[in-house]
Every structure is written in C-alpha cells, then in structure tokens.
Amino acid sequence: MSRKDLNRDQRDQLAKLADLPDDQIDILDIPEAPAENWAHARRGDLYRPLKLPVTIRLDADVLAWFREHVEEGGGYQTEINRVLRRYVAEQLRHRS
C-alpha cells in the first residue's frame, strides 16, 4: 500500500476530529466487525503490554544466571520477562 501525504483540507478535518470528545464523533455509518473476523487475530510484534511492578522471590542462582547471560541491549529483568512470556505462549498453544 502506498502512502500519500494529506492535503491541507484533510489535515484540517483530522485536526477538528481529534479535538472532538469521543461521544460527539458519529460512527453510525461504520459497520461493526463480525466476531469471526477476530478468530485468527494476534497482537503485532510491536505490542508492548503494560508493566506492573511486583515483588517476586527468585532463587539466587537463577537470578545470577540471568544477570550474567543477559543479551546486549536489554536488562536481566527484560530477559526474564521474555522467557516467561515465551513459556506462557507455549502453554496457551498446548491448551488450544
């Protein structure tokens, strides 16, 4: 799909729309997507879930391993989260 720059009128219309409160935007002419459209939906690769601060007790040797083996460009907490996310995704695949 090619990307075209918006003309001045289109930019003005978008600016006015952005200034409207949600309840004042008429969406009645936009059809609701049927449920079957979502059957194979997945989050994009750039999805970044909300992070919650938690206290978790980890075995000292496990924590030390992650701190020593973290990939460049990420922290050990990010690596632990990546491993846990992969594990959860695998468990969800096995259940379906």
PDB file of N, CA and C in Angstrom:
ATOM      1  N   MET A   1       0.846  -1.159   0.000  1.00  0.00           N
ATOM      2  CA  MET A   1       0.000   0.000   0.000  1.00  0.00           C
ATOM      3  C   MET A   1       0.900   1.233   0.000  1.00  0.00           C
ATOM      4  N   SER A   2       0.585   2.166  -0.867  1.00  0.00           N
ATOM      5  CA  SER A   2       1.395   3.377  -0.911  1.00  0.00           C
ATOM      6  C   SER A   2       0.847   4.405   0.076  1.00  0.00           C
ATOM      7  N   ARG A   3       1.705   5.271   0.484  1.00  0.00           N
ATOM      8  CA  ARG A   3       1.321   6.300   1.453  1.00  0.00           C
ATOM      9  C   ARG A   3       1.323   7.646   0.752  1.00  0.00           C
ATOM     10  N   LYS A   4       0.192   8.335   0.838  1.00  0.00           N
ATOM     11  CA  LYS A   4       0.099   9.657   0.245  1.00  0.00           C
ATOM     12  C   LYS A   4       0.030  10.689   1.356  1.00  0.00           C
ATOM     13  N   ASP A   5       0.664  11.808   1.128  1.00  0.00           N
ATOM     14  CA  ASP A   5       0.575  12.890   2.097  1.00  0.00           C
ATOM     15  C   ASP A   5      -0.821  13.493   2.044  1.00  0.00           C
ATOM     16  N   LEU A   6      -1.300  13.929   3.178  1.00  0.00           N
ATOM     17  CA  LEU A   6      -2.616  14.557   3.243  1.00  0.00           C
ATOM     18  C   LEU A   6      -2.525  15.999   2.779  1.00  0.00           C
ATOM     19  N   ASN A   7      -3.599  16.438   2.104  1.00  0.00           N
ATOM     20  CA  ASN A   7      -3.621  17.846   1.714  1.00  0.00           C
ATOM     21  C   ASN A   7      -4.070  18.688   2.904  1.00  0.00           C
ATOM     22  N   ARG A   8      -4.028  19.976   2.754  1.00  0.00           N
ATOM     23  CA  ARG A   8      -4.337  20.895   3.859  1.00  0.00           C
ATOM     24  C   ARG A   8      -5.744  20.680   4.403  1.00  0.00           C
ATOM     25  N   ASP A   9      -6.731  20.503   3.506  1.00  0.00           N
ATOM     26  CA  ASP A   9      -8.116  20.302   3.924  1.00  0.00           C
ATOM     27  C   ASP A   9      -8.249  19.020   4.747  1.00  0.00           C
ATOM     28  N   GLN A  10      -7.597  17.952   4.301  1.00  0.00           N
ATOM     29  CA  GLN A  10      -7.650  16.691   5.038  1.00  0.00           C
ATOM     30  C   GLN A  10      -6.994  16.816   6.405  1.00  0.00           C
ATOM     31  N   ARG A  11      -5.879  17.518   6.478  1.00  0.00           N
ATOM     32  CA  ARG A  11      -5.214  17.722   7.778  1.00  0.00           C
ATOM     33  C   ARG A  11      -6.107  18.543   8.702  1.00  0.00           C
ATOM     34  N   ASP A  12      -6.780  19.571   8.159  1.00  0.00           N
ATOM     35  CA  ASP A  12      -7.690  20.389   8.968  1.00  0.00           C
ATOM     36  C   ASP A  12      -8.849  19.540   9.493  1.00  0.00           C
ATOM     37  N   GLN A  13      -9.407  18.671   8.636  1.00  0.00           N
ATOM     38  CA  GLN A  13     -10.514  17.805   9.061  1.00  0.00           C
ATOM     39  C   GLN A  13     -10.071  16.854  10.169  1.00  0.00           C
ATOM     40  N   LEU A  14      -8.884  16.285  10.027  1.00  0.00           N
ATOM     41  CA  LEU A  14      -8.368  15.392  11.064  1.00  0.00           C
ATOM     42  C   LEU A  14      -8.114  16.127  12.376  1.00  0.00           C
ATOM     43  N   ALA A  15      -7.630  17.352  12.283  1.00  0.00           N
ATOM     44  CA  ALA A  15      -7.387  18.145  13.495  1.00  0.00           C
ATOM     45  C   ALA A  15      -8.695  18.433  14.219  1.00  0.00           C
ATOM     46  N   LYS A  16      -9.745  18.762  13.454  1.00  0.00           N
ATOM     47  CA  LYS A  16     -11.054  19.019  14.069  1.00  0.00           C
ATOM     48  C   LYS A  16     -11.608  17.752  14.714  1.00  0.00           C
ATOM     49  N   LEU A  17     -11.433  16.629  14.023  1.00  0.00           N
ATOM     50  CA  LEU A  17     -11.900  15.358  14.563  1.00  0.00           C
ATOM     51  C   LEU A  17     -11.144  15.000  15.849  1.00  0.00           C
ATOM     52  N   ALA A  18      -9.854  15.232  15.861  1.00  0.00           N
ATOM     53  CA  ALA A  18      -9.044  14.929  17.044  1.00  0.00           C
ATOM     54  C   ALA A  18      -9.459  15.777  18.242  1.00  0.00           C
ATOM     55  N   ASP A  19      -9.975  16.967  17.993  1.00  0.00           N
ATOM     56  CA  ASP A  19     -10.389  17.860  19.077  1.00  0.00           C
ATOM     57  C   ASP A  19     -11.753  17.501  19.653  1.00  0.00           C
ATOM     58  N   LEU A  20     -12.533  16.691  18.935  1.00  0.00           N
ATOM     59  CA  LEU A  20     -13.867  16.329  19.414  1.00  0.00           C
ATOM     60  C   LEU A  20     -13.786  15.287  20.530  1.00  0.00           C
ATOM     61  N   PRO A  21     -14.654  15.411  21.529  1.00  0.00           N
ATOM     62  CA  PRO A  21     -14.754  14.331  22.524  1.00  0.00           C
ATOM     63  C   PRO A  21     -15.298  13.078  21.836  1.00  0.00           C
ATOM     64  N   ASP A  22     -14.924  11.903  22.305  1.00  0.00           N
ATOM     65  CA  ASP A  22     -15.335  10.646  21.678  1.00  0.00           C
ATOM     66  C   ASP A  22     -16.843  10.536  21.502  1.00  0.00           C
ATOM     67  N   ASP A  23     -17.604  10.980  22.492  1.00  0.00           N
ATOM     68  CA  ASP A  23     -19.065  10.833  22.414  1.00  0.00           C
ATOM     69  C   ASP A  23     -19.710  11.743  21.373  1.00  0.00           C
ATOM     70  N   GLN A  24     -18.965  12.650  20.783  1.00  0.00           N
ATOM     71  CA  GLN A  24     -19.501  13.537  19.743  1.00  0.00           C
ATOM     72  C   GLN A  24     -19.087  13.111  18.331  1.00  0.00           C
ATOM     73  N   ILE A  25     -18.387  12.005  18.210  1.00  0.00           N
ATOM     74  CA  ILE A  25     -17.967  11.514  16.899  1.00  0.00           C
ATOM     75  C   ILE A  25     -18.991  10.501  16.418  1.00  0.00           C
ATOM     76  N   ASP A  26     -19.588  10.779  15.264  1.00  0.00           N
ATOM     77  CA  ASP A  26     -20.628   9.924  14.687  1.00  0.00           C
ATOM     78  C   ASP A  26     -19.972   8.739  13.976  1.00  0.00           C
ATOM     79  N   ILE A  27     -20.193   7.552  14.502  1.00  0.00           N
ATOM     80  CA  ILE A  27     -19.632   6.355  13.891  1.00  0.00           C
ATOM     81  C   ILE A  27     -20.727   5.388  13.434  1.00  0.00           C
ATOM     82  N   LEU A  28     -21.959   5.880  13.317  1.00  0.00           N
ATOM     83  CA  LEU A  28     -23.081   5.015  12.966  1.00  0.00           C
ATOM     84  C   LEU A  28     -22.948   4.411  11.574  1.00  0.00           C
ATOM     85  N   ASP A  29     -22.222   5.068  10.679  1.00  0.00           N
ATOM     86  CA  ASP A  29     -22.077   4.538   9.328  1.00  0.00           C
ATOM     87  C   ASP A  29     -20.920   3.548   9.199  1.00  0.00           C
ATOM     88  N   ILE A  30     -20.237   3.257  10.307  1.00  0.00           N
ATOM     89  CA  ILE A  30     -19.131   2.294  10.296  1.00  0.00           C
ATOM     90  C   ILE A  30     -19.676   0.969  10.815  1.00  0.00           C
ATOM     91  N   PRO A  31     -19.670  -0.070   9.972  1.00  0.00           N
ATOM     92  CA  PRO A  31     -20.236  -1.350  10.427  1.00  0.00           C
ATOM     93  C   PRO A  31     -19.361  -2.004  11.494  1.00  0.00           C
ATOM     94  N   GLU A  32     -20.015  -2.710  12.403  1.00  0.00           N
ATOM     95  CA  GLU A  32     -19.311  -3.452  13.447  1.00  0.00           C
ATOM     96  C   GLU A  32     -18.650  -4.674  12.806  1.00  0.00           C
ATOM     97  N   ALA A  33     -17.432  -4.965  13.195  1.00  0.00           N
ATOM     98  CA  ALA A  33     -16.735  -6.139  12.660  1.00  0.00           C
ATOM     99  C   ALA A  33     -17.351  -7.396  13.258  1.00  0.00           C
ATOM    100  N   PRO A  34     -17.697  -8.376  12.411  1.00  0.00           N
ATOM    101  CA  PRO A  34     -18.263  -9.622  12.940  1.00  0.00           C
ATOM    102  C   PRO A  34     -17.249 -10.381  13.788  1.00  0.00           C
ATOM    103  N   ALA A  35     -17.723 -11.173  14.724  1.00  0.00           N
ATOM    104  CA  ALA A  35     -16.858 -11.906  15.642  1.00  0.00           C
ATOM    105  C   ALA A  35     -15.883 -12.825  14.913  1.00  0.00           C
ATOM    106  N   GLU A  36     -16.306 -13.407  13.783  1.00  0.00           N
ATOM    107  CA  GLU A  36     -15.413 -14.330  13.063  1.00  0.00           C
ATOM    108  C   GLU A  36     -14.188 -13.616  12.487  1.00  0.00           C
ATOM    109  N   ASN A  37     -14.250 -12.301  12.355  1.00  0.00           N
ATOM    110  CA  ASN A  37     -13.078 -11.543  11.898  1.00  0.00           C
ATOM    111  C   ASN A  37     -11.939 -11.617  12.910  1.00  0.00           C
ATOM    112  N   TRP A  38     -12.252 -11.900  14.145  1.00  0.00           N
ATOM    113  CA  TRP A  38     -11.258 -11.890  15.202  1.00  0.00           C
ATOM    114  C   TRP A  38     -10.723 -13.284  15.517  1.00  0.00           C
ATOM    115  N   ALA A  39     -11.194 -14.310  14.826  1.00  0.00           N
ATOM    116  CA  ALA A  39     -10.814 -15.691  15.139  1.00  0.00           C
ATOM    117  C   ALA A  39      -9.307 -15.913  15.050  1.00  0.00           C
ATOM    118  N   HIS A  40      -8.656 -15.298  14.089  1.00  0.00           N
ATOM    119  CA  HIS A  40      -7.221 -15.509  13.908  1.00  0.00           C
ATOM    120  C   HIS A  40      -6.414 -14.247  14.206  1.00  0.00           C
ATOM    121  N   ALA A  41      -7.014 -13.342  14.952  1.00  0.00           N
ATOM    122  CA  ALA A  41      -6.319 -12.092  15.278  1.00  0.00           C
ATOM    123  C   ALA A  41      -5.169 -12.367  16.240  1.00  0.00           C
ATOM    124  N   ARG A  42      -4.124 -11.588  16.097  1.00  0.00           N
ATOM    125  CA  ARG A  42      -3.000 -11.674  17.024  1.00  0.00           C
ATOM    126  C   ARG A  42      -2.428 -10.279  17.197  1.00  0.00           C
ATOM    127  N   ARG A  43      -1.757 -10.091  18.292  1.00  0.00           N
ATOM    128  CA  ARG A  43      -1.112  -8.809  18.533  1.00  0.00           C
ATOM    129  C   ARG A  43       0.104  -8.685  17.641  1.00  0.00           C
ATOM    130  N   GLY A  44       0.372  -7.490  17.194  1.00  0.00           N
ATOM    131  CA  GLY A  44       1.534  -7.250  16.361  1.00  0.00           C
ATOM    132  C   GLY A  44       2.835  -7.398  17.133  1.00  0.00           C
ATOM    133  N   ASP A  45       3.923  -7.472  16.393  1.00  0.00           N
ATOM    134  CA  ASP A  45       5.229  -7.650  17.019  1.00  0.00           C
ATOM    135  C   ASP A  45       5.641  -6.455  17.870  1.00  0.00           C
ATOM    136  N   LEU A  46       5.033  -5.315  17.638  1.00  0.00           N
ATOM    137  CA  LEU A  46       5.416  -4.118  18.387  1.00  0.00           C
ATOM    138  C   LEU A  46       4.559  -3.903  19.631  1.00  0.00           C
ATOM    139  N   TYR A  47       3.655  -4.833  19.908  1.00  0.00           N
ATOM    140  CA  TYR A  47       2.812  -4.716  21.090  1.00  0.00           C
ATOM    141  C   TYR A  47       3.665  -4.728  22.348  1.00  0.00           C
ATOM    142  N   ARG A  48       3.447  -3.766  23.207  1.00  0.00           N
ATOM    143  CA  ARG A  48       4.186  -3.699  24.476  1.00  0.00           C
ATOM    144  C   ARG A  48       3.175  -3.631  25.607  1.00  0.00           C
ATOM    145  N   PRO A  49       2.989  -4.730  26.317  1.00  0.00           N
ATOM    146  CA  PRO A  49       1.995  -4.744  27.390  1.00  0.00           C
ATOM    147  C   PRO A  49       2.395  -3.825  28.540  1.00  0.00           C
ATOM    148  N   LEU A  50       1.410  -3.456  29.296  1.00  0.00           N
ATOM    149  CA  LEU A  50       1.614  -2.634  30.480  1.00  0.00           C
ATOM    150  C   LEU A  50       2.482  -3.395  31.474  1.00  0.00           C
ATOM    151  N   LYS A  51       3.465  -2.733  32.002  1.00  0.00           N
ATOM    152  CA  LYS A  51       4.343  -3.352  33.002  1.00  0.00           C
ATOM    153  C   LYS A  51       3.812  -3.035  34.400  1.00  0.00           C
ATOM    154  N   LEU A  52       3.796  -4.032  35.247  1.00  0.00           N
ATOM    155  CA  LEU A  52       3.375  -3.854  36.627  1.00  0.00           C
ATOM    156  C   LEU A  52       4.549  -4.150  37.549  1.00  0.00           C
ATOM    157  N   PRO A  53       4.823  -3.257  38.475  1.00  0.00           N
ATOM    158  CA  PRO A  53       5.893  -3.556  39.435  1.00  0.00           C
ATOM    159  C   PRO A  53       5.389  -4.594  40.442  1.00  0.00           C
ATOM    160  N   VAL A  54       6.165  -5.638  40.613  1.00  0.00           N
ATOM    161  CA  VAL A  54       5.795  -6.691  41.566  1.00  0.00           C
ATOM    162  C   VAL A  54       7.029  -7.093  42.362  1.00  0.00           C
ATOM    163  N   THR A  55       6.782  -7.726  43.463  1.00  0.00           N
ATOM    164  CA  THR A  55       7.868  -8.307  44.241  1.00  0.00           C
ATOM    165  C   THR A  55       7.792  -9.809  44.019  1.00  0.00           C
ATOM    166  N   ILE A  56       8.899 -10.381  43.589  1.00  0.00           N
ATOM    167  CA  ILE A  56       8.938 -11.817  43.332  1.00  0.00           C
ATOM    168  C   ILE A  56      10.230 -12.368  43.923  1.00  0.00           C
ATOM    169  N   ARG A  57      10.128 -13.520  44.528  1.00  0.00           N
ATOM    170  CA  ARG A  57      11.304 -14.146  45.133  1.00  0.00           C
ATOM    171  C   ARG A  57      11.848 -15.164  44.132  1.00  0.00           C
ATOM    172  N   LEU A  58      13.073 -14.954  43.674  1.00  0.00           N
ATOM    173  CA  LEU A  58      13.731 -15.852  42.740  1.00  0.00           C
ATOM    174  C   LEU A  58      14.901 -16.525  43.436  1.00  0.00           C
ATOM    175  N   ASP A  59      15.184 -17.738  43.035  1.00  0.00           N
ATOM    176  CA  ASP A  59      16.370 -18.415  43.564  1.00  0.00           C
ATOM    177  C   ASP A  59      17.597 -17.608  43.152  1.00  0.00           C
ATOM    178  N   ALA A  60      18.542 -17.473  44.081  1.00  0.00           N
ATOM    179  CA  ALA A  60      19.718 -16.633  43.846  1.00  0.00           C
ATOM    180  C   ALA A  60      20.514 -17.076  42.633  1.00  0.00           C
ATOM    181  N   ASP A  61      20.642 -18.395  42.428  1.00  0.00           N
ATOM    182  CA  ASP A  61      21.421 -18.870  41.283  1.00  0.00           C
ATOM    183  C   ASP A  61      20.726 -18.571  39.952  1.00  0.00           C
ATOM    184  N   VAL A  62      19.404 -18.604  39.932  1.00  0.00           N
ATOM    185  CA  VAL A  62      18.662 -18.275  38.717  1.00  0.00           C
ATOM    186  C   VAL A  62      18.838 -16.790  38.390  1.00  0.00           C
ATOM    187  N   LEU A  63      18.687 -15.967  39.388  1.00  0.00           N
ATOM    188  CA  LEU A  63      18.866 -14.537  39.183  1.00  0.00           C
ATOM    189  C   LEU A  63      20.287 -14.221  38.727  1.00  0.00           C
ATOM    190  N   ALA A  64      21.275 -14.845  39.342  1.00  0.00           N
ATOM    191  CA  ALA A  64      22.668 -14.632  38.952  1.00  0.00           C
ATOM    192  C   ALA A  64      22.887 -15.044  37.499  1.00  0.00           C
ATOM    193  N   TRP A  65      22.281 -16.154  37.082  1.00  0.00           N
ATOM    194  CA  TRP A  65      22.442 -16.610  35.704  1.00  0.00           C
ATOM    195  C   TRP A  65      21.903 -15.572  34.728  1.00  0.00           C
ATOM    196  N   PHE A  66      20.704 -15.050  34.994  1.00  0.00           N
ATOM    197  CA  PHE A  66      20.123 -14.045  34.101  1.00  0.00           C
ATOM    198  C   PHE A  66      20.979 -12.785  34.063  1.00  0.00           C
ATOM    199  N   ARG A  67      21.474 -12.381  35.200  1.00  0.00           N
ATOM    200  CA  ARG A  67      22.326 -11.181  35.224  1.00  0.00           C
ATOM    201  C   ARG A  67      23.604 -11.387  34.408  1.00  0.00           C
ATOM    202  N   GLU A  68      24.156 -12.577  34.431  1.00  0.00           N
ATOM    203  CA  GLU A  68      25.401 -12.860  33.712  1.00  0.00           C
ATOM    204  C   GLU A  68      25.179 -13.119  32.226  1.00  0.00           C
ATOM    205  N   HIS A  69      24.018 -13.604  31.847  1.00  0.00           N
ATOM    206  CA  HIS A  69      23.778 -14.036  30.476  1.00  0.00           C
ATOM    207  C   HIS A  69      22.829 -13.134  29.704  1.00  0.00           C
ATOM    208  N   VAL A  70      22.597 -11.950  30.190  1.00  0.00           N
ATOM    209  CA  VAL A  70      21.678 -11.047  29.506  1.00  0.00           C
ATOM    210  C   VAL A  70      22.269 -10.653  28.149  1.00  0.00           C
ATOM    211  N   GLU A  71      21.378 -10.613  27.127  1.00  0.00           N
ATOM    212  CA  GLU A  71      21.809 -10.207  25.798  1.00  0.00           C
ATOM    213  C   GLU A  71      22.071  -8.716  25.776  1.00  0.00           C
ATOM    214  N   GLU A  72      22.980  -8.317  24.912  1.00  0.00           N
ATOM    215  CA  GLU A  72      23.327  -6.898  24.810  1.00  0.00           C
ATOM    216  C   GLU A  72      22.089  -6.106  24.389  1.00  0.00           C
ATOM    217  N   GLY A  73      21.890  -4.960  24.995  1.00  0.00           N
ATOM    218  CA  GLY A  73      20.761  -4.096  24.659  1.00  0.00           C
ATOM    219  C   GLY A  73      19.543  -4.307  25.533  1.00  0.00           C
ATOM    220  N   GLY A  74      19.588  -5.250  26.459  1.00  0.00           N
ATOM    221  CA  GLY A  74      18.459  -5.479  27.338  1.00  0.00           C
ATOM    222  C   GLY A  74      18.936  -5.760  28.745  1.00  0.00           C
ATOM    223  N   GLY A  75      18.071  -5.589  29.691  1.00  0.00           N
ATOM    224  CA  GLY A  75      18.417  -5.860  31.075  1.00  0.00           C
ATOM    225  C   GLY A  75      17.999  -7.260  31.472  1.00  0.00           C
ATOM    226  N   TYR A  76      18.462  -7.698  32.609  1.00  0.00           N
ATOM    227  CA  TYR A  76      18.132  -9.049  33.055  1.00  0.00           C
ATOM    228  C   TYR A  76      16.639  -9.203  33.326  1.00  0.00           C
ATOM    229  N   GLN A  77      15.975  -8.133  33.781  1.00  0.00           N
ATOM    230  CA  GLN A  77      14.536  -8.210  34.021  1.00  0.00           C
ATOM    231  C   GLN A  77      13.779  -8.386  32.706  1.00  0.00           C
ATOM    232  N   THR A  78      14.240  -7.690  31.670  1.00  0.00           N
ATOM    233  CA  THR A  78      13.632  -7.837  30.350  1.00  0.00           C
ATOM    234  C   THR A  78      13.801  -9.262  29.850  1.00  0.00           C
ATOM    235  N   GLU A  79      14.952  -9.835  30.079  1.00  0.00           N
ATOM    236  CA  GLU A  79      15.216 -11.210  29.641  1.00  0.00           C
ATOM    237  C   GLU A  79      14.349 -12.205  30.416  1.00  0.00           C
ATOM    238  N   ILE A  80      14.196 -12.010  31.696  1.00  0.00           N
ATOM    239  CA  ILE A  80      13.325 -12.883  32.492  1.00  0.00           C
ATOM    240  C   ILE A  80      11.894 -12.778  31.965  1.00  0.00           C
ATOM    241  N   ASN A  81      11.442 -11.569  31.666  1.00  0.00           N
ATOM    242  CA  ASN A  81      10.098 -11.363  31.139  1.00  0.00           C
ATOM    243  C   ASN A  81       9.931 -12.055  29.788  1.00  0.00           C
ATOM    244  N   ARG A  82      10.957 -11.985  28.941  1.00  0.00           N
ATOM    245  CA  ARG A  82      10.896 -12.616  27.617  1.00  0.00           C
ATOM    246  C   ARG A  82      10.758 -14.136  27.760  1.00  0.00           C
ATOM    247  N   VAL A  83      11.544 -14.721  28.658  1.00  0.00           N
ATOM    248  CA  VAL A  83      11.482 -16.159  28.885  1.00  0.00           C
ATOM    249  C   VAL A  83      10.112 -16.565  29.429  1.00  0.00           C
ATOM    250  N   LEU A  84       9.605 -15.824  30.393  1.00  0.00           N
ATOM    251  CA  LEU A  84       8.282 -16.129  30.946  1.00  0.00           C
ATOM    252  C   LEU A  84       7.191 -15.987  29.898  1.00  0.00           C
ATOM    253  N   ARG A  85       7.270 -14.955  29.073  1.00  0.00           N
ATOM    254  CA  ARG A  85       6.266 -14.737  28.023  1.00  0.00           C
ATOM    255  C   ARG A  85       6.273 -15.900  27.030  1.00  0.00           C
ATOM    256  N   ARG A  86       7.461 -16.370  26.658  1.00  0.00           N
ATOM    257  CA  ARG A  86       7.557 -17.498  25.722  1.00  0.00           C
ATOM    258  C   ARG A  86       6.943 -18.751  26.359  1.00  0.00           C
ATOM    259  N   TYR A  87       7.227 -18.973  27.631  1.00  0.00           N
ATOM    260  CA  TYR A  87       6.671 -20.127  28.337  1.00  0.00           C
ATOM    261  C   TYR A  87       5.139 -20.065  28.367  1.00  0.00           C
ATOM    262  N   VAL A  88       4.600 -18.912  28.704  1.00  0.00           N
ATOM    263  CA  VAL A  88       3.146 -18.760  28.766  1.00  0.00           C
ATOM    264  C   VAL A  88       2.534 -18.982  27.384  1.00  0.00           C
ATOM    265  N   ALA A  89       3.134 -18.427  26.334  1.00  0.00           N
ATOM    266  CA  ALA A  89       2.620 -18.605  24.978  1.00  0.00           C
ATOM    267  C   ALA A  89       2.597 -20.083  24.590  1.00  0.00           C
ATOM    268  N   GLU A  90       3.650 -20.825  24.951  1.00  0.00           N
ATOM    269  CA  GLU A  90       3.694 -22.262  24.657  1.00  0.00           C
ATOM    270  C   GLU A  90       2.595 -23.010  25.400  1.00  0.00           C
ATOM    271  N   GLN A  91       2.373 -22.649  26.651  1.00  0.00           N
ATOM    272  CA  GLN A  91       1.318 -23.300  27.433  1.00  0.00           C
ATOM    273  C   GLN A  91      -0.047 -23.025  26.825  1.00  0.00           C
ATOM    274  N   LEU A  92      -0.269 -21.802  26.364  1.00  0.00           N
ATOM    275  CA  LEU A  92      -1.549 -21.461  25.742  1.00  0.00           C
ATOM    276  C   LEU A  92      -1.749 -22.221  24.438  1.00  0.00           C
ATOM    277  N   ARG A  93      -0.674 -22.405  23.671  1.00  0.00           N
ATOM    278  CA  ARG A  93      -0.780 -23.168  22.423  1.00  0.00           C
ATOM    279  C   ARG A  93      -1.134 -24.636  22.698  1.00  0.00           C
ATOM    280  N   HIS A  94      -0.558 -25.196  23.745  1.00  0.00           N
ATOM    281  CA  HIS A  94      -0.817 -26.597  24.058  1.00  0.00           C
ATOM    282  C   HIS A  94      -2.241 -26.829  24.562  1.00  0.00           C
ATOM    283  N   ARG A  95      -2.832 -25.815  25.126  1.00  0.00           N
ATOM    284  CA  ARG A  95      -4.200 -25.966  25.668  1.00  0.00           C
ATOM    285  C   ARG A  95      -5.268 -25.821  24.596  1.00  0.00           C
ATOM    286  N   SER A  96      -4.921 -25.177  23.471  1.00  0.00           N
ATOM    287  CA  SER A  96      -5.959 -24.974  22.444  1.00  0.00           C
ATOM    288  C   SER A  96      -5.940 -26.022  21.379  1.00  0.00           C
TER     289      SER A  96
END
